[in-house]
Amino acid sequence: MNNMTDEKEIAIKIGHRIKDLRKQANLSQVELAFRCNFEASNLNRIEAGRTYPSIKTLCKISNGLGVPFHALTDYIK
């Protein structure tokens, strides 16, 4: 595997984790995006793994979900 593949896989895993946590919190993409102060289309791209979210964006998402930052990333090996 090369670095681009590794990065893409990580983006997909983080996106799926965010989606799972959002659903557990009974939030729509629109509701979570509002809490994070960005467009729902941006959240959609993140959840689908089509973009590489910054640390700042991940912090906003963890705050919007009410979970610690590590809840988004700890399961990635």
PDB file of N, CA and C in Angstrom:
ATOM      1  N   MET A   1       0.832  -1.193   0.000  1.00  0.00           N
ATOM      2  CA  MET A   1       0.000   0.000   0.000  1.00  0.00           C
ATOM      3  C   MET A   1       0.871   1.249   0.000  1.00  0.00           C
ATOM      4  N   ASN A   2       0.403   2.256  -0.688  1.00  0.00           N
ATOM      5  CA  ASN A   2       1.138   3.510  -0.664  1.00  0.00           C
ATOM      6  C   ASN A   2       0.451   4.496   0.280  1.00  0.00           C
ATOM      7  N   ASN A   3       1.071   5.630   0.489  1.00  0.00           N
ATOM      8  CA  ASN A   3       0.538   6.610   1.445  1.00  0.00           C
ATOM      9  C   ASN A   3      -0.832   7.125   1.059  1.00  0.00           C
ATOM     10  N   MET A   4      -1.083   7.323  -0.247  1.00  0.00           N
ATOM     11  CA  MET A   4      -2.391   7.816  -0.678  1.00  0.00           C
ATOM     12  C   MET A   4      -3.482   6.802  -0.356  1.00  0.00           C
ATOM     13  N   THR A   5      -3.197   5.530  -0.537  1.00  0.00           N
ATOM     14  CA  THR A   5      -4.175   4.490  -0.204  1.00  0.00           C
ATOM     15  C   THR A   5      -4.428   4.476   1.296  1.00  0.00           C
ATOM     16  N   ASP A   6      -3.359   4.562   2.073  1.00  0.00           N
ATOM     17  CA  ASP A   6      -3.502   4.585   3.529  1.00  0.00           C
ATOM     18  C   ASP A   6      -4.344   5.779   3.976  1.00  0.00           C
ATOM     19  N   GLU A   7      -4.065   6.951   3.415  1.00  0.00           N
ATOM     20  CA  GLU A   7      -4.823   8.157   3.776  1.00  0.00           C
ATOM     21  C   GLU A   7      -6.288   8.012   3.397  1.00  0.00           C
ATOM     22  N   LYS A   8      -6.549   7.466   2.220  1.00  0.00           N
ATOM     23  CA  LYS A   8      -7.932   7.283   1.767  1.00  0.00           C
ATOM     24  C   LYS A   8      -8.669   6.314   2.692  1.00  0.00           C
ATOM     25  N   GLU A   9      -8.025   5.225   3.063  1.00  0.00           N
ATOM     26  CA  GLU A   9      -8.657   4.255   3.961  1.00  0.00           C
ATOM     27  C   GLU A   9      -8.949   4.878   5.323  1.00  0.00           C
ATOM     28  N   ILE A  10      -8.036   5.676   5.818  1.00  0.00           N
ATOM     29  CA  ILE A  10      -8.251   6.349   7.101  1.00  0.00           C
ATOM     30  C   ILE A  10      -9.413   7.322   6.992  1.00  0.00           C
ATOM     31  N   ALA A  11      -9.474   8.088   5.899  1.00  0.00           N
ATOM     32  CA  ALA A  11     -10.577   9.035   5.708  1.00  0.00           C
ATOM     33  C   ALA A  11     -11.918   8.299   5.678  1.00  0.00           C
ATOM     34  N   ILE A  12     -11.951   7.160   5.026  1.00  0.00           N
ATOM     35  CA  ILE A  12     -13.192   6.375   4.948  1.00  0.00           C
ATOM     36  C   ILE A  12     -13.566   5.849   6.328  1.00  0.00           C
ATOM     37  N   LYS A  13     -12.601   5.329   7.073  1.00  0.00           N
ATOM     38  CA  LYS A  13     -12.879   4.803   8.414  1.00  0.00           C
ATOM     39  C   LYS A  13     -13.377   5.903   9.351  1.00  0.00           C
ATOM     40  N   ILE A  14     -12.737   7.062   9.309  1.00  0.00           N
ATOM     41  CA  ILE A  14     -13.170   8.173  10.163  1.00  0.00           C
ATOM     42  C   ILE A  14     -14.570   8.618   9.760  1.00  0.00           C
ATOM     43  N   GLY A  15     -14.817   8.710   8.455  1.00  0.00           N
ATOM     44  CA  GLY A  15     -16.149   9.098   7.983  1.00  0.00           C
ATOM     45  C   GLY A  15     -17.231   8.150   8.455  1.00  0.00           C
ATOM     46  N   HIS A  16     -16.947   6.861   8.365  1.00  0.00           N
ATOM     47  CA  HIS A  16     -17.928   5.867   8.828  1.00  0.00           C
ATOM     48  C   HIS A  16     -18.142   5.969  10.336  1.00  0.00           C
ATOM     49  N   ARG A  17     -17.071   6.226  11.064  1.00  0.00           N
ATOM     50  CA  ARG A  17     -17.185   6.367  12.522  1.00  0.00           C
ATOM     51  C   ARG A  17     -18.050   7.578  12.877  1.00  0.00           C
ATOM     52  N   ILE A  18     -17.834   8.681  12.192  1.00  0.00           N
ATOM     53  CA  ILE A  18     -18.631   9.886  12.429  1.00  0.00           C
ATOM     54  C   ILE A  18     -20.102   9.600  12.137  1.00  0.00           C
ATOM     55  N   LYS A  19     -20.362   8.932  11.028  1.00  0.00           N
ATOM     56  CA  LYS A  19     -21.741   8.598  10.661  1.00  0.00           C
ATOM     57  C   LYS A  19     -22.387   7.715  11.727  1.00  0.00           C
ATOM     58  N   ASP A  20     -21.654   6.705  12.195  1.00  0.00           N
ATOM     59  CA  ASP A  20     -22.179   5.817  13.236  1.00  0.00           C
ATOM     60  C   ASP A  20     -22.505   6.592  14.519  1.00  0.00           C
ATOM     61  N   LEU A  21     -21.579   7.448  14.936  1.00  0.00           N
ATOM     62  CA  LEU A  21     -21.805   8.236  16.156  1.00  0.00           C
ATOM     63  C   LEU A  21     -22.966   9.214  15.983  1.00  0.00           C
ATOM     64  N   ARG A  22     -23.075   9.791  14.797  1.00  0.00           N
ATOM     65  CA  ARG A  22     -24.175  10.722  14.525  1.00  0.00           C
ATOM     66  C   ARG A  22     -25.518  10.001  14.611  1.00  0.00           C
ATOM     67  N   LYS A  23     -25.583   8.813  14.031  1.00  0.00           N
ATOM     68  CA  LYS A  23     -26.829   8.041  14.075  1.00  0.00           C
ATOM     69  C   LYS A  23     -27.160   7.611  15.500  1.00  0.00           C
ATOM     70  N   GLN A  24     -26.131   7.231  16.278  1.00  0.00           N
ATOM     71  CA  GLN A  24     -26.354   6.865  17.676  1.00  0.00           C
ATOM     72  C   GLN A  24     -26.929   8.038  18.463  1.00  0.00           C
ATOM     73  N   ALA A  25     -26.535   9.243  18.077  1.00  0.00           N
ATOM     74  CA  ALA A  25     -27.029  10.455  18.745  1.00  0.00           C
ATOM     75  C   ALA A  25     -28.366  10.922  18.170  1.00  0.00           C
ATOM     76  N   ASN A  26     -28.911  10.162  17.223  1.00  0.00           N
ATOM     77  CA  ASN A  26     -30.178  10.506  16.563  1.00  0.00           C
ATOM     78  C   ASN A  26     -30.146  11.901  15.944  1.00  0.00           C
ATOM     79  N   LEU A  27     -29.041  12.203  15.269  1.00  0.00           N
ATOM     80  CA  LEU A  27     -28.889  13.488  14.593  1.00  0.00           C
ATOM     81  C   LEU A  27     -28.866  13.276  13.087  1.00  0.00           C
ATOM     82  N   SER A  28     -29.466  14.191  12.358  1.00  0.00           N
ATOM     83  CA  SER A  28     -29.337  14.174  10.905  1.00  0.00           C
ATOM     84  C   SER A  28     -28.032  14.854  10.527  1.00  0.00           C
ATOM     85  N   GLN A  29     -27.634  14.703   9.281  1.00  0.00           N
ATOM     86  CA  GLN A  29     -26.443  15.409   8.818  1.00  0.00           C
ATOM     87  C   GLN A  29     -26.632  16.914   8.941  1.00  0.00           C
ATOM     88  N   VAL A  30     -27.822  17.383   8.635  1.00  0.00           N
ATOM     89  CA  VAL A  30     -28.106  18.822   8.716  1.00  0.00           C
ATOM     90  C   VAL A  30     -27.960  19.317  10.151  1.00  0.00           C
ATOM     91  N   GLU A  31     -28.482  18.545  11.104  1.00  0.00           N
ATOM     92  CA  GLU A  31     -28.395  18.949  12.514  1.00  0.00           C
ATOM     93  C   GLU A  31     -26.945  18.978  13.002  1.00  0.00           C
ATOM     94  N   LEU A  32     -26.176  17.950  12.670  1.00  0.00           N
ATOM     95  CA  LEU A  32     -24.790  17.932  13.112  1.00  0.00           C
ATOM     96  C   LEU A  32     -23.988  19.030  12.417  1.00  0.00           C
ATOM     97  N   ALA A  33     -24.212  19.227  11.137  1.00  0.00           N
ATOM     98  CA  ALA A  33     -23.510  20.289  10.418  1.00  0.00           C
ATOM     99  C   ALA A  33     -23.816  21.646  11.047  1.00  0.00           C
ATOM    100  N   PHE A  34     -25.067  21.878  11.424  1.00  0.00           N
ATOM    101  CA  PHE A  34     -25.442  23.135  12.080  1.00  0.00           C
ATOM    102  C   PHE A  34     -24.669  23.302  13.384  1.00  0.00           C
ATOM    103  N   ARG A  35     -24.595  22.225  14.177  1.00  0.00           N
ATOM    104  CA  ARG A  35     -23.856  22.278  15.444  1.00  0.00           C
ATOM    105  C   ARG A  35     -22.372  22.590  15.215  1.00  0.00           C
ATOM    106  N   CYS A  36     -21.854  22.141  14.068  1.00  0.00           N
ATOM    107  CA  CYS A  36     -20.432  22.330  13.757  1.00  0.00           C
ATOM    108  C   CYS A  36     -20.163  23.620  12.989  1.00  0.00           C
ATOM    109  N   ASN A  37     -21.218  24.299  12.593  1.00  0.00           N
ATOM    110  CA  ASN A  37     -21.125  25.554  11.846  1.00  0.00           C
ATOM    111  C   ASN A  37     -20.480  25.358  10.465  1.00  0.00           C
ATOM    112  N   PHE A  38     -20.908  24.293   9.772  1.00  0.00           N
ATOM    113  CA  PHE A  38     -20.539  24.163   8.371  1.00  0.00           C
ATOM    114  C   PHE A  38     -21.667  23.525   7.579  1.00  0.00           C
ATOM    115  N   GLU A  39     -21.532  23.510   6.265  1.00  0.00           N
ATOM    116  CA  GLU A  39     -22.579  23.028   5.380  1.00  0.00           C
ATOM    117  C   GLU A  39     -22.768  21.514   5.492  1.00  0.00           C
ATOM    118  N   ALA A  40     -24.011  21.079   5.351  1.00  0.00           N
ATOM    119  CA  ALA A  40     -24.315  19.647   5.387  1.00  0.00           C
ATOM    120  C   ALA A  40     -23.574  18.911   4.271  1.00  0.00           C
ATOM    121  N   SER A  41     -23.370  19.566   3.131  1.00  0.00           N
ATOM    122  CA  SER A  41     -22.650  18.921   2.031  1.00  0.00           C
ATOM    123  C   SER A  41     -21.209  18.602   2.430  1.00  0.00           C
ATOM    124  N   ASN A  42     -20.610  19.447   3.266  1.00  0.00           N
ATOM    125  CA  ASN A  42     -19.259  19.163   3.755  1.00  0.00           C
ATOM    126  C   ASN A  42     -19.264  17.928   4.645  1.00  0.00           C
ATOM    127  N   LEU A  43     -20.247  17.842   5.533  1.00  0.00           N
ATOM    128  CA  LEU A  43     -20.352  16.674   6.408  1.00  0.00           C
ATOM    129  C   LEU A  43     -20.599  15.418   5.585  1.00  0.00           C
ATOM    130  N   ASN A  44     -21.400  15.530   4.549  1.00  0.00           N
ATOM    131  CA  ASN A  44     -21.666  14.388   3.680  1.00  0.00           C
ATOM    132  C   ASN A  44     -20.377  13.873   3.054  1.00  0.00           C
ATOM    133  N   ARG A  45     -19.528  14.761   2.563  1.00  0.00           N
ATOM    134  CA  ARG A  45     -18.250  14.369   1.961  1.00  0.00           C
ATOM    135  C   ARG A  45     -17.329  13.721   2.994  1.00  0.00           C
ATOM    136  N   ILE A  46     -17.338  14.254   4.219  1.00  0.00           N
ATOM    137  CA  ILE A  46     -16.509  13.677   5.282  1.00  0.00           C
ATOM    138  C   ILE A  46     -16.987  12.268   5.617  1.00  0.00           C
ATOM    139  N   GLU A  47     -18.290  12.104   5.815  1.00  0.00           N
ATOM    140  CA  GLU A  47     -18.830  10.790   6.157  1.00  0.00           C
ATOM    141  C   GLU A  47     -18.594   9.768   5.052  1.00  0.00           C
ATOM    142  N   ALA A  48     -18.569  10.220   3.817  1.00  0.00           N
ATOM    143  CA  ALA A  48     -18.345   9.314   2.687  1.00  0.00           C
ATOM    144  C   ALA A  48     -16.867   9.039   2.443  1.00  0.00           C
ATOM    145  N   GLY A  49     -15.997   9.735   3.173  1.00  0.00           N
ATOM    146  CA  GLY A  49     -14.562   9.536   3.002  1.00  0.00           C
ATOM    147  C   GLY A  49     -14.010  10.174   1.745  1.00  0.00           C
ATOM    148  N   ARG A  50     -14.737  11.143   1.191  1.00  0.00           N
ATOM    149  CA  ARG A  50     -14.298  11.809  -0.038  1.00  0.00           C
ATOM    150  C   ARG A  50     -13.432  13.038   0.216  1.00  0.00           C
ATOM    151  N   THR A  51     -13.189  13.335   1.489  1.00  0.00           N
ATOM    152  CA  THR A  51     -12.334  14.462   1.837  1.00  0.00           C
ATOM    153  C   THR A  51     -11.545  14.106   3.088  1.00  0.00           C
ATOM    154  N   TYR A  52     -10.447  14.797   3.288  1.00  0.00           N
ATOM    155  CA  TYR A  52      -9.593  14.562   4.445  1.00  0.00           C
ATOM    156  C   TYR A  52      -9.818  15.682   5.452  1.00  0.00           C
ATOM    157  N   PRO A  53     -10.612  15.437   6.490  1.00  0.00           N
ATOM    158  CA  PRO A  53     -10.917  16.513   7.449  1.00  0.00           C
ATOM    159  C   PRO A  53      -9.684  16.919   8.255  1.00  0.00           C
ATOM    160  N   SER A  54      -9.593  18.205   8.523  1.00  0.00           N
ATOM    161  CA  SER A  54      -8.494  18.718   9.340  1.00  0.00           C
ATOM    162  C   SER A  54      -8.749  18.384  10.807  1.00  0.00           C
ATOM    163  N   ILE A  55      -7.727  18.561  11.610  1.00  0.00           N
ATOM    164  CA  ILE A  55      -7.863  18.359  13.059  1.00  0.00           C
ATOM    165  C   ILE A  55      -8.921  19.326  13.597  1.00  0.00           C
ATOM    166  N   LYS A  56      -8.903  20.554  13.113  1.00  0.00           N
ATOM    167  CA  LYS A  56      -9.880  21.558  13.552  1.00  0.00           C
ATOM    168  C   LYS A  56     -11.307  21.093  13.230  1.00  0.00           C
ATOM    169  N   THR A  57     -11.507  20.562  12.044  1.00  0.00           N
ATOM    170  CA  THR A  57     -12.835  20.066  11.652  1.00  0.00           C
ATOM    171  C   THR A  57     -13.245  18.887  12.514  1.00  0.00           C
ATOM    172  N   LEU A  58     -12.323  17.971  12.763  1.00  0.00           N
ATOM    173  CA  LEU A  58     -12.634  16.819  13.614  1.00  0.00           C
ATOM    174  C   LEU A  58     -12.968  17.263  15.037  1.00  0.00           C
ATOM    175  N   CYS A  59     -12.301  18.293  15.528  1.00  0.00           N
ATOM    176  CA  CYS A  59     -12.626  18.831  16.861  1.00  0.00           C
ATOM    177  C   CYS A  59     -14.045  19.387  16.877  1.00  0.00           C
ATOM    178  N   LYS A  60     -14.432  20.109  15.822  1.00  0.00           N
ATOM    179  CA  LYS A  60     -15.793  20.639  15.739  1.00  0.00           C
ATOM    180  C   LYS A  60     -16.819  19.499  15.731  1.00  0.00           C
ATOM    181  N   ILE A  61     -16.505  18.457  14.990  1.00  0.00           N
ATOM    182  CA  ILE A  61     -17.425  17.317  14.909  1.00  0.00           C
ATOM    183  C   ILE A  61     -17.529  16.613  16.258  1.00  0.00           C
ATOM    184  N   SER A  62     -16.405  16.382  16.915  1.00  0.00           N
ATOM    185  CA  SER A  62     -16.468  15.716  18.219  1.00  0.00           C
ATOM    186  C   SER A  62     -17.258  16.566  19.211  1.00  0.00           C
ATOM    187  N   ASN A  63     -17.062  17.876  19.176  1.00  0.00           N
ATOM    188  CA  ASN A  63     -17.848  18.766  20.047  1.00  0.00           C
ATOM    189  C   ASN A  63     -19.330  18.717  19.683  1.00  0.00           C
ATOM    190  N   GLY A  64     -19.636  18.733  18.390  1.00  0.00           N
ATOM    191  CA  GLY A  64     -21.023  18.673  17.941  1.00  0.00           C
ATOM    192  C   GLY A  64     -21.711  17.381  18.343  1.00  0.00           C
ATOM    193  N   LEU A  65     -20.947  16.301  18.378  1.00  0.00           N
ATOM    194  CA  LEU A  65     -21.492  15.005  18.783  1.00  0.00           C
ATOM    195  C   LEU A  65     -21.499  14.829  20.297  1.00  0.00           C
ATOM    196  N   GLY A  66     -20.738  15.678  20.990  1.00  0.00           N
ATOM    197  CA  GLY A  66     -20.639  15.550  22.441  1.00  0.00           C
ATOM    198  C   GLY A  66     -19.805  14.359  22.870  1.00  0.00           C
ATOM    199  N   VAL A  67     -18.802  14.030  22.051  1.00  0.00           N
ATOM    200  CA  VAL A  67     -17.911  12.914  22.374  1.00  0.00           C
ATOM    201  C   VAL A  67     -16.474  13.430  22.416  1.00  0.00           C
ATOM    202  N   PRO A  68     -15.591  12.734  23.136  1.00  0.00           N
ATOM    203  CA  PRO A  68     -14.185  13.158  23.123  1.00  0.00           C
ATOM    204  C   PRO A  68     -13.570  12.924  21.745  1.00  0.00           C
ATOM    205  N   PHE A  69     -12.576  13.717  21.416  1.00  0.00           N
ATOM    206  CA  PHE A  69     -11.909  13.619  20.118  1.00  0.00           C
ATOM    207  C   PHE A  69     -11.476  12.192  19.801  1.00  0.00           C
ATOM    208  N   HIS A  70     -10.904  11.526  20.771  1.00  0.00           N
ATOM    209  CA  HIS A  70     -10.384  10.176  20.520  1.00  0.00           C
ATOM    210  C   HIS A  70     -11.467   9.185  20.126  1.00  0.00           C
ATOM    211  N   ALA A  71     -12.731   9.488  20.397  1.00  0.00           N
ATOM    212  CA  ALA A  71     -13.823   8.595  19.996  1.00  0.00           C
ATOM    213  C   ALA A  71     -13.907   8.490  18.477  1.00  0.00           C
ATOM    214  N   LEU A  72     -13.375   9.483  17.766  1.00  0.00           N
ATOM    215  CA  LEU A  72     -13.400   9.468  16.318  1.00  0.00           C
ATOM    216  C   LEU A  72     -12.258   8.656  15.718  1.00  0.00           C
ATOM    217  N   THR A  73     -11.183   8.474  16.491  1.00  0.00           N
ATOM    218  CA  THR A  73      -9.966   7.920  15.898  1.00  0.00           C
ATOM    219  C   THR A  73      -9.372   6.714  16.599  1.00  0.00           C
ATOM    220  N   ASP A  74      -9.731   6.435  17.828  1.00  0.00           N
ATOM    221  CA  ASP A  74      -9.071   5.369  18.598  1.00  0.00           C
ATOM    222  C   ASP A  74      -9.160   3.986  17.977  1.00  0.00           C
ATOM    223  N   TYR A  75     -10.187   3.706  17.247  1.00  0.00           N
ATOM    224  CA  TYR A  75     -10.380   2.366  16.717  1.00  0.00           C
ATOM    225  C   TYR A  75      -9.562   2.113  15.454  1.00  0.00           C
ATOM    226  N   ILE A  76      -8.933   3.146  14.881  1.00  0.00           N
ATOM    227  CA  ILE A  76      -8.150   2.995  13.656  1.00  0.00           C
ATOM    228  C   ILE A  76      -6.809   2.357  13.974  1.00  0.00           C
ATOM    229  N   LYS A  77      -6.519   1.276  13.324  1.00  0.00           N
ATOM    230  CA  LYS A  77      -5.245   0.579  13.520  1.00  0.00           C
ATOM    231  C   LYS A  77      -4.467   0.579  12.227  1.00  0.00           C
TER     232      LYS A  77
END
